[in-house]
Amino acid sequence: MGQREREIYKVTLVGSIGNVLLTVFKFVAGIVGQSAAMTADAVHSLSDLLTDAVVLVFVRISGKPEDGSHEYGHGKYETLATTLIGLALAAVAVGLGWHAIESLLFWYEGGTLQAPHALALWAAVVSIVVKELICQYTLRRGRALHSPAVEANAWHHRSDALSSLGTLVGIGGAILLGDRWTVLDPLAELVVAGFILHVAWTLLKQGLDELMEASLPDEVEREILRIVAQFPDVGDPHHLRTRRIGSRYAIEMHIRMDGRLPLAEAHARTCEIERALKAQFGETTHITLHVEPKK
């Protein structure tokens, strides 16, 4: 296992330990504290554990070197992990939203919702603080490691913190305002489900775009062209094609040079361009340059 994979494992395991402790704590607080929102929040934390497992498995696969059947490497497995995390988040959002709607309909038809206890309130406070700290740590390390899957997992931690924030509002309102306002509990749950669904859509779009070979952002392609333009005897970069392969970029481009240049000199200049691009976008960047004579 390479250094990058070991660091990703370390980051993910830190989040997993926090998720285990919080999941147990929130389940106990939800049951003892008689809060449906807190119990649902515990389910959300449980989903974090499942996505941690997805990251651990798929990052290990994505770190495998190129082979005869995967000549571009295994980086797409990391993209697949990001997509699966998005699907898991979407499923959690739908489940929370459905439960909230059922509770609201029950209240609307004259049913009485249980008022939560203070234990559930304190559990929400603890969850917000712990999950936000884990999110910041995971997001920072994910960006440093250029790992989309780790960054996606960080947003899953953030969604758990948002879920607990909504739970805190609902539980706090129900406790402070009395039995008539116990409806705030499922209302907060419904709002949080919407936040989580938005995060899920963002991750799914990112993962599906990469799996469908979407181009890199416009600003990245402009930076590629700017780097090539620094070489005065290289002109007319065209047919630029870009995509992501997991955590690395793939760049393909046609360029023109003086047709009278010796082959060795044209090759040397092409290598210089590749080094400049890799200095900007990483040593693992896949680069293919096709050289044509200037017209």
Protein backbone atom coordinates (compact mmCIF):
# COMPACT_ATOMS: atom_id res chain seq x y z
CA MET A 1 0.00 0.00 0.00
CA GLY A 2 1.37 3.42 -0.98
CA GLN A 3 1.77 6.44 1.29
CA ARG A 4 -1.32 8.13 -0.18
CA GLU A 5 -3.50 5.09 0.46
CA ARG A 6 -2.19 4.80 4.03
CA GLU A 7 -3.06 8.45 4.68
CA ILE A 8 -6.55 7.95 3.26
CA TYR A 9 -7.03 4.91 5.50
CA LYS A 10 -5.89 6.92 8.50
CA VAL A 11 -8.32 9.78 7.78
CA THR A 12 -11.21 7.41 7.17
CA LEU A 13 -10.53 5.38 10.33
CA VAL A 14 -10.54 8.56 12.44
CA GLY A 15 -13.98 9.37 11.05
CA SER A 16 -15.14 5.77 11.58
CA ILE A 17 -14.21 5.80 15.27
CA GLY A 18 -16.14 9.04 15.73
CA ASN A 19 -19.11 7.60 13.83
CA VAL A 20 -19.24 4.46 15.99
CA LEU A 21 -19.26 6.45 19.23
CA LEU A 22 -21.82 8.97 17.96
CA THR A 23 -24.11 6.33 16.48
CA VAL A 24 -24.34 4.44 19.77
CA PHE A 25 -24.76 7.67 21.76
CA LYS A 26 -27.51 9.00 19.48
CA PHE A 27 -29.44 5.74 19.38
CA VAL A 28 -29.45 5.66 23.19
CA ALA A 29 -30.39 9.35 23.39
CA GLY A 30 -33.12 8.93 20.77
CA ILE A 31 -34.74 5.96 22.51
CA VAL A 32 -34.32 7.12 26.11
CA GLY A 33 -35.00 10.75 25.19
CA GLN A 34 -38.11 9.79 23.19
CA SER A 35 -37.06 11.76 20.11
CA ALA A 36 -37.89 10.39 16.68
CA ALA A 37 -35.65 13.01 15.09
CA MET A 38 -32.67 11.92 17.19
CA THR A 39 -33.27 8.26 16.35
CA ALA A 40 -33.38 9.19 12.66
CA ASP A 41 -30.19 11.18 13.18
CA ALA A 42 -28.60 8.03 14.60
CA VAL A 43 -29.58 6.18 11.41
CA HIS A 44 -27.83 8.92 9.45
CA SER A 45 -24.67 8.39 11.51
CA LEU A 46 -24.94 4.67 10.83
CA SER A 47 -24.94 5.46 7.10
CA ASP A 48 -21.63 7.28 7.65
CA LEU A 49 -20.13 4.00 8.85
CA LEU A 50 -21.25 2.30 5.65
CA THR A 51 -19.71 5.01 3.46
CA ASP A 52 -16.47 4.81 5.46
CA ALA A 53 -16.36 1.12 4.53
CA VAL A 54 -16.94 2.01 0.86
CA VAL A 55 -14.03 4.47 0.91
CA LEU A 56 -11.68 1.96 2.57
CA VAL A 57 -12.49 -0.74 0.02
CA PHE A 58 -12.51 1.33 -3.16
CA VAL A 59 -9.49 3.51 -2.40
CA ARG A 60 -7.46 0.34 -1.86
CA ILE A 61 -8.53 -0.86 -5.31
CA SER A 62 -7.97 2.54 -6.96
CA GLY A 63 -4.39 2.62 -5.65
CA LYS A 64 -3.42 -0.50 -7.61
CA PRO A 65 -0.91 0.15 -10.42
CA GLU A 66 -1.71 -0.08 -14.11
CA ASP A 67 -2.02 -3.57 -15.50
CA GLY A 68 -2.91 -5.33 -18.74
CA SER A 69 -6.65 -5.00 -18.21
CA HIS A 70 -6.54 -1.44 -16.75
CA GLU A 71 -3.94 0.42 -18.78
CA TYR A 72 -5.11 3.79 -17.43
CA GLY A 73 -4.95 2.56 -13.83
CA HIS A 74 -7.79 1.90 -11.38
CA GLY A 75 -8.62 5.50 -10.46
CA LYS A 76 -12.24 5.21 -11.61
CA TYR A 77 -12.95 2.98 -8.61
CA GLU A 78 -12.48 6.06 -6.43
CA THR A 79 -14.98 7.92 -8.62
CA LEU A 80 -17.36 4.98 -8.21
CA ALA A 81 -16.94 5.29 -4.43
CA THR A 82 -17.95 8.96 -4.63
CA THR A 83 -21.06 8.00 -6.60
CA LEU A 84 -22.01 5.28 -4.11
CA ILE A 85 -21.65 7.75 -1.23
CA GLY A 86 -24.00 10.10 -3.09
CA LEU A 87 -26.52 7.27 -3.52
CA ALA A 88 -26.26 6.41 0.19
CA LEU A 89 -26.90 10.04 1.11
CA ALA A 90 -29.89 10.20 -1.22
CA ALA A 91 -31.34 7.06 0.37
CA VAL A 92 -30.86 8.53 3.86
CA ALA A 93 -32.54 11.79 2.78
CA VAL A 94 -35.56 9.98 1.32
CA GLY A 95 -35.89 7.83 4.46
CA LEU A 96 -35.72 10.81 6.80
CA GLY A 97 -38.15 12.79 4.65
CA TRP A 98 -40.65 9.93 4.52
CA HIS A 99 -40.54 9.48 8.30
CA ALA A 100 -41.01 13.22 8.83
CA ILE A 101 -44.01 13.35 6.47
CA GLU A 102 -45.65 10.41 8.25
CA SER A 103 -45.23 12.19 11.60
CA LEU A 104 -46.61 15.45 10.22
CA LEU A 105 -49.66 13.68 8.78
CA PHE A 106 -50.23 11.95 12.12
CA TRP A 107 -50.09 15.34 13.90
CA TYR A 108 -52.33 16.99 11.28
CA GLU A 109 -54.99 14.31 11.80
CA GLY A 110 -55.10 15.12 15.50
CA GLY A 111 -52.45 12.76 16.83
CA THR A 112 -50.18 13.76 19.72
CA LEU A 113 -46.43 13.63 19.18
CA GLN A 114 -44.18 12.78 22.10
CA ALA A 115 -42.15 15.64 23.53
CA PRO A 116 -38.43 14.76 23.55
CA HIS A 117 -36.30 14.82 26.72
CA ALA A 118 -33.24 16.95 27.46
CA LEU A 119 -30.88 14.01 26.82
CA ALA A 120 -31.77 14.14 23.12
CA LEU A 121 -31.04 17.87 23.10
CA TRP A 122 -27.54 17.41 24.53
CA ALA A 123 -26.88 14.55 22.13
CA ALA A 124 -27.62 16.89 19.23
CA VAL A 125 -25.18 19.50 20.61
CA VAL A 126 -22.41 16.93 21.02
CA SER A 127 -23.04 15.52 17.53
CA ILE A 128 -22.85 18.96 15.86
CA VAL A 129 -19.50 19.78 17.47
CA VAL A 130 -17.89 16.38 16.90
CA LYS A 131 -19.10 15.93 13.32
CA GLU A 132 -18.05 19.42 12.26
CA LEU A 133 -14.55 18.81 13.66
CA ILE A 134 -14.35 15.50 11.80
CA CYS A 135 -15.64 17.17 8.62
CA GLN A 136 -13.01 19.92 8.73
CA TYR A 137 -10.22 17.40 9.34
CA THR A 138 -11.41 15.03 6.58
CA LEU A 139 -11.98 17.82 4.05
CA ARG A 140 -8.54 19.31 4.69
CA ARG A 141 -6.81 15.95 4.30
CA GLY A 142 -8.93 14.99 1.29
CA ARG A 143 -7.87 18.14 -0.58
CA ALA A 144 -4.23 17.63 0.40
CA LEU A 145 -4.39 14.03 -0.86
CA HIS A 146 -6.38 14.99 -4.01
CA SER A 147 -8.94 12.31 -3.16
CA PRO A 148 -12.53 12.92 -4.39
CA ALA A 149 -13.78 9.99 -2.29
CA VAL A 150 -12.33 11.42 0.93
CA GLU A 151 -13.74 14.87 0.12
CA ALA A 152 -17.13 13.28 -0.56
CA ASN A 153 -16.94 11.52 2.78
CA ALA A 154 -16.18 14.86 4.44
CA TRP A 155 -19.41 16.26 3.03
CA HIS A 156 -21.20 13.24 4.42
CA HIS A 157 -19.84 14.18 7.85
CA ARG A 158 -21.05 17.76 7.26
CA SER A 159 -24.51 16.50 6.32
CA ASP A 160 -24.62 14.61 9.63
CA ALA A 161 -23.77 17.84 11.46
CA LEU A 162 -26.56 19.63 9.56
CA SER A 163 -28.93 16.81 10.43
CA SER A 164 -28.06 17.22 14.10
CA LEU A 165 -28.49 21.00 13.81
CA GLY A 166 -32.02 20.55 12.52
CA THR A 167 -32.64 18.00 15.24
CA LEU A 168 -31.37 20.48 17.83
CA VAL A 169 -33.82 23.13 16.61
CA GLY A 170 -36.74 20.73 16.62
CA ILE A 171 -35.98 19.18 20.00
CA GLY A 172 -35.16 22.54 21.57
CA GLY A 173 -38.38 24.09 20.29
CA ALA A 174 -40.47 21.15 21.46
CA ILE A 175 -38.94 21.28 24.95
CA LEU A 176 -39.03 25.05 25.42
CA LEU A 177 -42.41 25.80 23.78
CA GLY A 178 -44.46 22.91 25.15
CA ASP A 179 -46.53 20.04 23.79
CA ARG A 180 -48.29 22.15 21.16
CA TRP A 181 -44.95 22.60 19.39
CA THR A 182 -43.74 19.00 19.34
CA VAL A 183 -44.45 19.20 15.60
CA LEU A 184 -41.16 21.11 15.31
CA ASP A 185 -39.33 17.80 15.69
CA PRO A 186 -40.56 16.25 12.39
CA LEU A 187 -40.53 19.66 10.67
CA ALA A 188 -36.82 20.02 11.43
CA GLU A 189 -36.27 16.46 10.24
CA LEU A 190 -37.93 17.29 6.91
CA VAL A 191 -35.78 20.41 6.41
CA VAL A 192 -32.62 18.46 7.18
CA ALA A 193 -33.65 15.78 4.67
CA GLY A 194 -33.73 18.51 2.02
CA PHE A 195 -30.21 19.66 2.91
CA ILE A 196 -28.91 16.10 2.73
CA LEU A 197 -30.61 15.51 -0.63
CA HIS A 198 -28.88 18.61 -2.02
CA VAL A 199 -25.47 17.30 -0.93
CA ALA A 200 -26.32 13.89 -2.40
CA TRP A 201 -27.19 15.46 -5.76
CA THR A 202 -23.90 17.39 -5.80
CA LEU A 203 -21.87 14.23 -5.18
CA LEU A 204 -23.87 12.16 -7.64
CA LYS A 205 -23.44 14.76 -10.37
CA GLN A 206 -19.68 14.90 -9.74
CA GLY A 207 -19.33 11.12 -9.76
CA LEU A 208 -21.55 10.54 -12.80
CA ASP A 209 -19.83 13.34 -14.76
CA GLU A 210 -16.46 11.66 -14.18
CA LEU A 211 -17.78 8.19 -15.00
CA MET A 212 -19.28 9.62 -18.23
CA GLU A 213 -15.92 11.23 -19.14
CA ALA A 214 -17.01 14.85 -18.62
CA SER A 215 -14.37 17.47 -19.43
CA LEU A 216 -12.42 19.24 -16.71
CA PRO A 217 -13.71 22.68 -15.64
CA ASP A 218 -13.19 25.58 -18.04
CA GLU A 219 -10.69 27.26 -15.72
CA VAL A 220 -8.52 24.14 -15.72
CA GLU A 221 -8.56 23.94 -19.52
CA ARG A 222 -7.67 27.65 -19.75
CA GLU A 223 -4.72 27.01 -17.44
CA ILE A 224 -3.56 24.13 -19.67
CA LEU A 225 -3.63 26.39 -22.74
CA ARG A 226 -1.82 29.15 -20.82
CA ILE A 227 1.02 26.78 -19.92
CA VAL A 228 1.40 25.62 -23.52
CA ALA A 229 1.38 29.23 -24.76
CA GLN A 230 4.52 29.92 -22.68
CA PHE A 231 6.58 28.00 -25.24
CA PRO A 232 7.25 30.47 -28.11
CA ASP A 233 8.04 27.87 -30.78
CA VAL A 234 4.86 25.89 -30.06
CA GLY A 235 1.62 27.18 -31.54
CA ASP A 236 -2.03 26.55 -32.24
CA PRO A 237 -2.95 24.11 -29.47
CA HIS A 238 -6.17 22.43 -30.59
CA HIS A 239 -8.33 19.31 -30.14
CA LEU A 240 -7.90 19.67 -26.39
CA ARG A 241 -9.61 16.81 -24.57
CA THR A 242 -9.59 16.48 -20.79
CA ARG A 243 -11.12 14.21 -18.14
CA ARG A 244 -10.51 12.85 -14.68
CA ILE A 245 -9.25 9.37 -13.88
CA GLY A 246 -9.99 9.15 -10.17
CA SER A 247 -7.70 11.63 -8.43
CA ARG A 248 -5.61 12.50 -11.50
CA TYR A 249 -6.15 14.46 -14.70
CA ALA A 250 -5.92 13.16 -18.26
CA ILE A 251 -4.93 15.69 -20.96
CA GLU A 252 -4.84 15.07 -24.72
CA MET A 253 -3.96 17.82 -27.19
CA HIS A 254 -2.63 18.58 -30.68
CA ILE A 255 0.13 21.19 -31.01
CA ARG A 256 2.11 22.59 -33.95
CA MET A 257 5.88 23.07 -34.32
CA ASP A 258 8.18 24.07 -37.15
CA GLY A 259 8.21 21.11 -39.56
CA ARG A 260 11.94 21.59 -40.18
CA LEU A 261 12.86 20.82 -36.56
CA PRO A 262 14.85 17.62 -36.04
CA LEU A 263 12.80 14.85 -34.45
CA ALA A 264 15.01 14.82 -31.35
CA GLU A 265 14.46 18.54 -30.77
CA ALA A 266 10.69 18.29 -31.25
CA HIS A 267 10.62 15.38 -28.81
CA ALA A 268 12.64 17.35 -26.25
CA ARG A 269 10.27 20.29 -26.48
CA THR A 270 7.26 17.97 -26.07
CA CYS A 271 8.85 16.56 -22.90
CA GLU A 272 9.31 20.11 -21.57
CA ILE A 273 5.61 20.80 -22.08
CA GLU A 274 4.71 17.56 -20.28
CA ARG A 275 6.95 18.47 -17.33
CA ALA A 276 5.35 21.93 -17.10
CA LEU A 277 1.85 20.43 -17.09
CA LYS A 278 2.79 17.82 -14.48
CA ALA A 279 4.36 20.50 -12.30
CA GLN A 280 1.00 22.25 -12.26
CA PHE A 281 -1.41 19.30 -12.11
CA GLY A 282 0.61 16.51 -10.49
CA GLU A 283 3.18 13.92 -11.51
CA THR A 284 0.52 11.28 -12.13
CA THR A 285 -1.21 13.39 -14.81
CA HIS A 286 -1.80 11.40 -17.99
CA ILE A 287 -0.63 13.50 -20.97
CA THR A 288 -0.80 12.73 -24.68
CA LEU A 289 0.56 15.33 -27.12
CA HIS A 290 0.24 14.97 -30.89
CA VAL A 291 2.71 17.14 -32.80
CA GLU A 292 1.87 18.54 -36.26
CA PRO A 293 3.95 20.77 -38.60
CA LYS A 294 3.06 24.45 -38.68
CA LYS A 295 1.14 25.51 -41.76
